[in-house]
Amino acid sequence: MQIPVRPESAAGGLKPLTATPRAGDDVTISRNVLEEVYERLAEAIGAVERGNNRIAGWERLWGCTDVIWRTGRKCVGGEEN
């Protein structure tokens, strides 16, 4: 039994940012707006971390399932016993 291949993530195809700051382009925003931007950035980082943990869990699950199907033995920590 083969482990299903995980599809390429949508973020994998994004182009990197290329904008560079120029003299005279400074913008002033209020502290409240900046705090909200920071808060939303932290929420986005947390969502990515949760997604990564979920992916790692699935990979461990499928790794153990593969060991069980191949050997008939239980799997502890992703390793054969």
PDB file of N, CA and C in Angstrom:
ATOM      1  N   MET A   1       0.845  -1.179   0.000  1.00  0.00           N
ATOM      2  CA  MET A   1       0.000   0.000   0.000  1.00  0.00           C
ATOM      3  C   MET A   1       0.888   1.239   0.000  1.00  0.00           C
ATOM      4  N   GLN A   2       0.631   2.164  -0.887  1.00  0.00           N
ATOM      5  CA  GLN A   2       1.421   3.375  -1.005  1.00  0.00           C
ATOM      6  C   GLN A   2       0.765   4.530  -0.248  1.00  0.00           C
ATOM      7  N   ILE A   3       1.580   5.382   0.323  1.00  0.00           N
ATOM      8  CA  ILE A   3       1.084   6.587   0.984  1.00  0.00           C
ATOM      9  C   ILE A   3       0.607   7.543  -0.103  1.00  0.00           C
ATOM     10  N   PRO A   4      -0.592   8.124   0.054  1.00  0.00           N
ATOM     11  CA  PRO A   4      -1.077   9.070  -0.955  1.00  0.00           C
ATOM     12  C   PRO A   4      -0.131  10.266  -1.065  1.00  0.00           C
ATOM     13  N   VAL A   5       0.051  10.769  -2.268  1.00  0.00           N
ATOM     14  CA  VAL A   5       0.912  11.913  -2.498  1.00  0.00           C
ATOM     15  C   VAL A   5       0.149  13.174  -2.138  1.00  0.00           C
ATOM     16  N   ARG A   6       0.806  14.010  -1.329  1.00  0.00           N
ATOM     17  CA  ARG A   6       0.183  15.263  -0.930  1.00  0.00           C
ATOM     18  C   ARG A   6       0.238  16.235  -2.103  1.00  0.00           C
ATOM     19  N   PRO A   7      -0.871  16.897  -2.442  1.00  0.00           N
ATOM     20  CA  PRO A   7      -0.866  17.838  -3.570  1.00  0.00           C
ATOM     21  C   PRO A   7      -0.006  19.060  -3.256  1.00  0.00           C
ATOM     22  N   GLU A   8       0.502  19.677  -4.302  1.00  0.00           N
ATOM     23  CA  GLU A   8       1.290  20.900  -4.153  1.00  0.00           C
ATOM     24  C   GLU A   8       0.404  21.972  -3.536  1.00  0.00           C
ATOM     25  N   SER A   9       0.917  22.690  -2.550  1.00  0.00           N
ATOM     26  CA  SER A   9       0.113  23.724  -1.909  1.00  0.00           C
ATOM     27  C   SER A   9      -0.042  24.912  -2.837  1.00  0.00           C
ATOM     28  N   ALA A  10      -1.109  25.667  -2.624  1.00  0.00           N
ATOM     29  CA  ALA A  10      -1.349  26.849  -3.447  1.00  0.00           C
ATOM     30  C   ALA A  10      -0.271  27.893  -3.202  1.00  0.00           C
ATOM     31  N   ALA A  11       0.271  27.940  -1.990  1.00  0.00           N
ATOM     32  CA  ALA A  11       1.292  28.935  -1.668  1.00  0.00           C
ATOM     33  C   ALA A  11       2.609  28.637  -2.368  1.00  0.00           C
ATOM     34  N   GLY A  12       2.831  27.393  -2.773  1.00  0.00           N
ATOM     35  CA  GLY A  12       4.081  27.029  -3.418  1.00  0.00           C
ATOM     36  C   GLY A  12       4.298  27.736  -4.734  1.00  0.00           C
ATOM     37  N   GLY A  13       3.222  28.199  -5.380  1.00  0.00           N
ATOM     38  CA  GLY A  13       3.356  28.835  -6.679  1.00  0.00           C
ATOM     39  C   GLY A  13       3.332  30.350  -6.640  1.00  0.00           C
ATOM     40  N   LEU A  14       3.339  30.951  -5.455  1.00  0.00           N
ATOM     41  CA  LEU A  14       3.294  32.409  -5.370  1.00  0.00           C
ATOM     42  C   LEU A  14       4.635  33.014  -5.758  1.00  0.00           C
ATOM     43  N   LYS A  15       4.575  34.141  -6.447  1.00  0.00           N
ATOM     44  CA  LYS A  15       5.798  34.844  -6.821  1.00  0.00           C
ATOM     45  C   LYS A  15       6.308  35.610  -5.601  1.00  0.00           C
ATOM     46  N   PRO A  16       7.622  35.697  -5.427  1.00  0.00           N
ATOM     47  CA  PRO A  16       8.155  36.471  -4.303  1.00  0.00           C
ATOM     48  C   PRO A  16       7.888  37.963  -4.498  1.00  0.00           C
ATOM     49  N   LEU A  17       7.852  38.686  -3.389  1.00  0.00           N
ATOM     50  CA  LEU A  17       7.660  40.133  -3.470  1.00  0.00           C
ATOM     51  C   LEU A  17       8.880  40.775  -4.099  1.00  0.00           C
ATOM     52  N   THR A  18       8.641  41.750  -4.962  1.00  0.00           N
ATOM     53  CA  THR A  18       9.758  42.413  -5.640  1.00  0.00           C
ATOM     54  C   THR A  18       9.779  43.914  -5.395  1.00  0.00           C
ATOM     55  N   ALA A  19       8.792  44.449  -4.694  1.00  0.00           N
ATOM     56  CA  ALA A  19       8.733  45.891  -4.452  1.00  0.00           C
ATOM     57  C   ALA A  19       9.879  46.318  -3.540  1.00  0.00           C
ATOM     58  N   THR A  20      10.454  47.468  -3.850  1.00  0.00           N
ATOM     59  CA  THR A  20      11.507  48.026  -3.008  1.00  0.00           C
ATOM     60  C   THR A  20      11.101  49.424  -2.584  1.00  0.00           C
ATOM     61  N   PRO A  21      11.450  49.823  -1.364  1.00  0.00           N
ATOM     62  CA  PRO A  21      11.075  51.167  -0.925  1.00  0.00           C
ATOM     63  C   PRO A  21      11.859  52.240  -1.689  1.00  0.00           C
ATOM     64  N   ARG A  22      11.196  53.346  -1.921  1.00  0.00           N
ATOM     65  CA  ARG A  22      11.843  54.465  -2.607  1.00  0.00           C
ATOM     66  C   ARG A  22      11.779  55.694  -1.715  1.00  0.00           C
ATOM     67  N   ALA A  23      12.698  56.565  -1.867  1.00  0.00           N
ATOM     68  CA  ALA A  23      12.702  57.809  -1.089  1.00  0.00           C
ATOM     69  C   ALA A  23      11.442  58.603  -1.409  1.00  0.00           C
ATOM     70  N   GLY A  24      10.820  59.143  -0.380  1.00  0.00           N
ATOM     71  CA  GLY A  24       9.627  59.954  -0.572  1.00  0.00           C
ATOM     72  C   GLY A  24       8.332  59.162  -0.550  1.00  0.00           C
ATOM     73  N   ASP A  25       8.397  57.829  -0.392  1.00  0.00           N
ATOM     74  CA  ASP A  25       7.191  57.006  -0.377  1.00  0.00           C
ATOM     75  C   ASP A  25       6.729  56.650   1.033  1.00  0.00           C
ATOM     76  N   ASP A  26       7.233  57.337   2.046  1.00  0.00           N
ATOM     77  CA  ASP A  26       6.844  57.025   3.420  1.00  0.00           C
ATOM     78  C   ASP A  26       5.366  57.297   3.631  1.00  0.00           C
ATOM     79  N   VAL A  27       4.723  56.418   4.413  1.00  0.00           N
ATOM     80  CA  VAL A  27       3.318  56.548   4.706  1.00  0.00           C
ATOM     81  C   VAL A  27       3.152  56.472   6.219  1.00  0.00           C
ATOM     82  N   THR A  28       2.277  57.280   6.757  1.00  0.00           N
ATOM     83  CA  THR A  28       2.020  57.270   8.196  1.00  0.00           C
ATOM     84  C   THR A  28       0.672  56.606   8.442  1.00  0.00           C
ATOM     85  N   ILE A  29       0.661  55.641   9.378  1.00  0.00           N
ATOM     86  CA  ILE A  29      -0.603  55.011   9.763  1.00  0.00           C
ATOM     87  C   ILE A  29      -0.736  55.100  11.274  1.00  0.00           C
ATOM     88  N   SER A  30      -1.949  54.985  11.750  1.00  0.00           N
ATOM     89  CA  SER A  30      -2.161  55.091  13.192  1.00  0.00           C
ATOM     90  C   SER A  30      -1.689  53.822  13.894  1.00  0.00           C
ATOM     91  N   ARG A  31      -1.395  53.952  15.169  1.00  0.00           N
ATOM     92  CA  ARG A  31      -0.940  52.818  15.974  1.00  0.00           C
ATOM     93  C   ARG A  31      -2.002  51.721  16.002  1.00  0.00           C
ATOM     94  N   ASN A  32      -3.275  52.086  16.030  1.00  0.00           N
ATOM     95  CA  ASN A  32      -4.352  51.084  16.065  1.00  0.00           C
ATOM     96  C   ASN A  32      -4.336  50.211  14.806  1.00  0.00           C
ATOM     97  N   VAL A  33      -4.126  50.843  13.665  1.00  0.00           N
ATOM     98  CA  VAL A  33      -4.078  50.095  12.409  1.00  0.00           C
ATOM     99  C   VAL A  33      -2.861  49.176  12.398  1.00  0.00           C
ATOM    100  N   LEU A  34      -1.723  49.683  12.840  1.00  0.00           N
ATOM    101  CA  LEU A  34      -0.509  48.868  12.891  1.00  0.00           C
ATOM    102  C   LEU A  34      -0.694  47.676  13.832  1.00  0.00           C
ATOM    103  N   GLU A  35      -1.310  47.909  14.993  1.00  0.00           N
ATOM    104  CA  GLU A  35      -1.558  46.811  15.932  1.00  0.00           C
ATOM    105  C   GLU A  35      -2.467  45.754  15.323  1.00  0.00           C
ATOM    106  N   GLU A  36      -3.479  46.182  14.576  1.00  0.00           N
ATOM    107  CA  GLU A  36      -4.369  45.214  13.932  1.00  0.00           C
ATOM    108  C   GLU A  36      -3.633  44.421  12.850  1.00  0.00           C
ATOM    109  N   VAL A  37      -2.772  45.084  12.108  1.00  0.00           N
ATOM    110  CA  VAL A  37      -1.982  44.380  11.091  1.00  0.00           C
ATOM    111  C   VAL A  37      -1.096  43.337  11.757  1.00  0.00           C
ATOM    112  N   TYR A  38      -0.430  43.704  12.859  1.00  0.00           N
ATOM    113  CA  TYR A  38       0.412  42.751  13.591  1.00  0.00           C
ATOM    114  C   TYR A  38      -0.409  41.585  14.123  1.00  0.00           C
ATOM    115  N   GLU A  39      -1.598  41.881  14.644  1.00  0.00           N
ATOM    116  CA  GLU A  39      -2.464  40.827  15.181  1.00  0.00           C
ATOM    117  C   GLU A  39      -2.884  39.853  14.086  1.00  0.00           C
ATOM    118  N   ARG A  40      -3.254  40.385  12.945  1.00  0.00           N
ATOM    119  CA  ARG A  40      -3.661  39.505  11.835  1.00  0.00           C
ATOM    120  C   ARG A  40      -2.489  38.699  11.296  1.00  0.00           C
ATOM    121  N   LEU A  41      -1.304  39.284  11.277  1.00  0.00           N
ATOM    122  CA  LEU A  41      -0.109  38.554  10.853  1.00  0.00           C
ATOM    123  C   LEU A  41       0.153  37.396  11.815  1.00  0.00           C
ATOM    124  N   ALA A  42       0.027  37.657  13.123  1.00  0.00           N
ATOM    125  CA  ALA A  42       0.227  36.596  14.119  1.00  0.00           C
ATOM    126  C   ALA A  42      -0.808  35.485  13.941  1.00  0.00           C
ATOM    127  N   GLU A  43      -2.052  35.849  13.645  1.00  0.00           N
ATOM    128  CA  GLU A  43      -3.094  34.840  13.410  1.00  0.00           C
ATOM    129  C   GLU A  43      -2.763  34.003  12.173  1.00  0.00           C
ATOM    130  N   ALA A  44      -2.261  34.646  11.137  1.00  0.00           N
ATOM    131  CA  ALA A  44      -1.901  33.917   9.910  1.00  0.00           C
ATOM    132  C   ALA A  44      -0.733  32.970  10.168  1.00  0.00           C
ATOM    133  N   ILE A  45       0.245  33.417  10.934  1.00  0.00           N
ATOM    134  CA  ILE A  45       1.382  32.557  11.272  1.00  0.00           C
ATOM    135  C   ILE A  45       0.910  31.370  12.088  1.00  0.00           C
ATOM    136  N   GLY A  46      -0.011  31.601  13.031  1.00  0.00           N
ATOM    137  CA  GLY A  46      -0.571  30.514  13.827  1.00  0.00           C
ATOM    138  C   GLY A  46      -1.313  29.511  12.961  1.00  0.00           C
ATOM    139  N   ALA A  47      -2.043  29.993  11.965  1.00  0.00           N
ATOM    140  CA  ALA A  47      -2.776  29.097  11.064  1.00  0.00           C
ATOM    141  C   ALA A  47      -1.813  28.232  10.251  1.00  0.00           C
ATOM    142  N   VAL A  48      -0.713  28.822   9.815  1.00  0.00           N
ATOM    143  CA  VAL A  48       0.286  28.054   9.064  1.00  0.00           C
ATOM    144  C   VAL A  48       0.909  26.990   9.966  1.00  0.00           C
ATOM    145  N   GLU A  49       1.214  27.356  11.209  1.00  0.00           N
ATOM    146  CA  GLU A  49       1.802  26.394  12.138  1.00  0.00           C
ATOM    147  C   GLU A  49       0.843  25.235  12.416  1.00  0.00           C
ATOM    148  N   ARG A  50      -0.439  25.551  12.606  1.00  0.00           N
ATOM    149  CA  ARG A  50      -1.420  24.478  12.830  1.00  0.00           C
ATOM    150  C   ARG A  50      -1.521  23.570  11.608  1.00  0.00           C
ATOM    151  N   GLY A  51      -1.475  24.173  10.417  1.00  0.00           N
ATOM    152  CA  GLY A  51      -1.504  23.367   9.197  1.00  0.00           C
ATOM    153  C   GLY A  51      -0.290  22.466   9.081  1.00  0.00           C
ATOM    154  N   ASN A  52       0.882  22.994   9.421  1.00  0.00           N
ATOM    155  CA  ASN A  52       2.096  22.183   9.386  1.00  0.00           C
ATOM    156  C   ASN A  52       2.017  21.026  10.378  1.00  0.00           C
ATOM    157  N   ASN A  53       1.491  21.293  11.575  1.00  0.00           N
ATOM    158  CA  ASN A  53       1.337  20.225  12.570  1.00  0.00           C
ATOM    159  C   ASN A  53       0.365  19.159  12.077  1.00  0.00           C
ATOM    160  N   ARG A  54      -0.700  19.588  11.415  1.00  0.00           N
ATOM    161  CA  ARG A  54      -1.680  18.642  10.886  1.00  0.00           C
ATOM    162  C   ARG A  54      -1.041  17.772   9.799  1.00  0.00           C
ATOM    163  N   ILE A  55      -0.248  18.384   8.939  1.00  0.00           N
ATOM    164  CA  ILE A  55       0.440  17.631   7.882  1.00  0.00           C
ATOM    165  C   ILE A  55       1.396  16.621   8.492  1.00  0.00           C
ATOM    166  N   ALA A  56       2.166  17.048   9.507  1.00  0.00           N
ATOM    167  CA  ALA A  56       3.111  16.131  10.161  1.00  0.00           C
ATOM    168  C   ALA A  56       2.369  14.965  10.798  1.00  0.00           C
ATOM    169  N   GLY A  57       1.210  15.232  11.385  1.00  0.00           N
ATOM    170  CA  GLY A  57       0.403  14.165  11.975  1.00  0.00           C
ATOM    171  C   GLY A  57      -0.077  13.169  10.936  1.00  0.00           C
ATOM    172  N   TRP A  58      -0.526  13.686   9.788  1.00  0.00           N
ATOM    173  CA  TRP A  58      -0.979  12.789   8.718  1.00  0.00           C
ATOM    174  C   TRP A  58       0.170  11.950   8.179  1.00  0.00           C
ATOM    175  N   GLU A  59       1.341  12.562   8.032  1.00  0.00           N
ATOM    176  CA  GLU A  59       2.493  11.811   7.535  1.00  0.00           C
ATOM    177  C   GLU A  59       2.886  10.697   8.506  1.00  0.00           C
ATOM    178  N   ARG A  60       2.822  11.001   9.811  1.00  0.00           N
ATOM    179  CA  ARG A  60       3.125   9.976  10.815  1.00  0.00           C
ATOM    180  C   ARG A  60       2.076   8.869  10.779  1.00  0.00           C
ATOM    181  N   LEU A  61       0.811   9.253  10.681  1.00  0.00           N
ATOM    182  CA  LEU A  61      -0.267   8.268  10.607  1.00  0.00           C
ATOM    183  C   LEU A  61      -0.070   7.343   9.409  1.00  0.00           C
ATOM    184  N   TRP A  62       0.178   7.921   8.228  1.00  0.00           N
ATOM    185  CA  TRP A  62       0.345   7.099   7.027  1.00  0.00           C
ATOM    186  C   TRP A  62       1.615   6.264   7.092  1.00  0.00           C
ATOM    187  N   GLY A  63       2.667   6.799   7.732  1.00  0.00           N
ATOM    188  CA  GLY A  63       3.891   6.023   7.902  1.00  0.00           C
ATOM    189  C   GLY A  63       3.651   4.793   8.765  1.00  0.00           C
ATOM    190  N   CYS A  64       2.914   4.975   9.876  1.00  0.00           N
ATOM    191  CA  CYS A  64       2.592   3.845  10.751  1.00  0.00           C
ATOM    192  C   CYS A  64       1.647   2.869  10.052  1.00  0.00           C
ATOM    193  N   THR A  65       0.691   3.395   9.310  1.00  0.00           N
ATOM    194  CA  THR A  65      -0.239   2.529   8.586  1.00  0.00           C
ATOM    195  C   THR A  65       0.522   1.677   7.576  1.00  0.00           C
ATOM    196  N   ASP A  66       1.485   2.282   6.900  1.00  0.00           N
ATOM    197  CA  ASP A  66       2.299   1.554   5.934  1.00  0.00           C
ATOM    198  C   ASP A  66       3.081   0.427   6.621  1.00  0.00           C
ATOM    199  N   VAL A  67       3.664   0.728   7.784  1.00  0.00           N
ATOM    200  CA  VAL A  67       4.416  -0.293   8.536  1.00  0.00           C
ATOM    201  C   VAL A  67       3.499  -1.437   8.936  1.00  0.00           C
ATOM    202  N   ILE A  68       2.315  -1.115   9.422  1.00  0.00           N
ATOM    203  CA  ILE A  68       1.362  -2.150   9.843  1.00  0.00           C
ATOM    204  C   ILE A  68       0.983  -3.030   8.662  1.00  0.00           C
ATOM    205  N   TRP A  69       0.678  -2.423   7.512  1.00  0.00           N
ATOM    206  CA  TRP A  69       0.275  -3.209   6.343  1.00  0.00           C
ATOM    207  C   TRP A  69       1.417  -4.059   5.796  1.00  0.00           C
ATOM    208  N   ARG A  70       2.649  -3.525   5.831  1.00  0.00           N
ATOM    209  CA  ARG A  70       3.790  -4.268   5.295  1.00  0.00           C
ATOM    210  C   ARG A  70       4.256  -5.392   6.219  1.00  0.00           C
ATOM    211  N   THR A  71       4.283  -5.112   7.545  1.00  0.00           N
ATOM    212  CA  THR A  71       4.900  -6.063   8.464  1.00  0.00           C
ATOM    213  C   THR A  71       3.918  -6.778   9.370  1.00  0.00           C
ATOM    214  N   GLY A  72       2.746  -6.188   9.575  1.00  0.00           N
ATOM    215  CA  GLY A  72       1.778  -6.765  10.514  1.00  0.00           C
ATOM    216  C   GLY A  72       2.111  -6.446  11.966  1.00  0.00           C
ATOM    217  N   ARG A  73       3.135  -5.615  12.183  1.00  0.00           N
ATOM    218  CA  ARG A  73       3.534  -5.233  13.533  1.00  0.00           C
ATOM    219  C   ARG A  73       3.072  -3.827  13.858  1.00  0.00           C
ATOM    220  N   LYS A  74       2.960  -3.565  15.147  1.00  0.00           N
ATOM    221  CA  LYS A  74       2.567  -2.211  15.536  1.00  0.00           C
ATOM    222  C   LYS A  74       3.710  -1.242  15.318  1.00  0.00           C
ATOM    223  N   CYS A  75       3.380   0.003  15.252  1.00  0.00           N
ATOM    224  CA  CYS A  75       4.328   1.063  14.965  1.00  0.00           C
ATOM    225  C   CYS A  75       4.385   2.001  16.171  1.00  0.00           C
ATOM    226  N   VAL A  76       5.587   2.318  16.628  1.00  0.00           N
ATOM    227  CA  VAL A  76       5.737   3.259  17.729  1.00  0.00           C
ATOM    228  C   VAL A  76       6.648   4.395  17.267  1.00  0.00           C
ATOM    229  N   GLY A  77       6.127   5.596  17.276  1.00  0.00           N
ATOM    230  CA  GLY A  77       6.929   6.749  16.881  1.00  0.00           C
ATOM    231  C   GLY A  77       7.376   6.741  15.441  1.00  0.00           C
ATOM    232  N   GLY A  78       6.618   6.113  14.565  1.00  0.00           N
ATOM    233  CA  GLY A  78       6.962   6.091  13.149  1.00  0.00           C
ATOM    234  C   GLY A  78       8.000   5.044  12.797  1.00  0.00           C
ATOM    235  N   GLU A  79       8.406   4.242  13.768  1.00  0.00           N
ATOM    236  CA  GLU A  79       9.429   3.217  13.537  1.00  0.00           C
ATOM    237  C   GLU A  79       8.807   1.842  13.684  1.00  0.00           C
ATOM    238  N   GLU A  80       9.386   0.880  12.989  1.00  0.00           N
ATOM    239  CA  GLU A  80       8.937  -0.517  13.133  1.00  0.00           C
ATOM    240  C   GLU A  80       9.405  -1.054  14.481  1.00  0.00           C
ATOM    241  N   ASN A  81       8.590  -1.938  15.073  1.00  0.00           N
ATOM    242  CA  ASN A  81       8.995  -2.620  16.317  1.00  0.00           C
ATOM    243  C   ASN A  81       9.538  -3.987  15.987  1.00  0.00           C
TER     244      ASN A  81
END
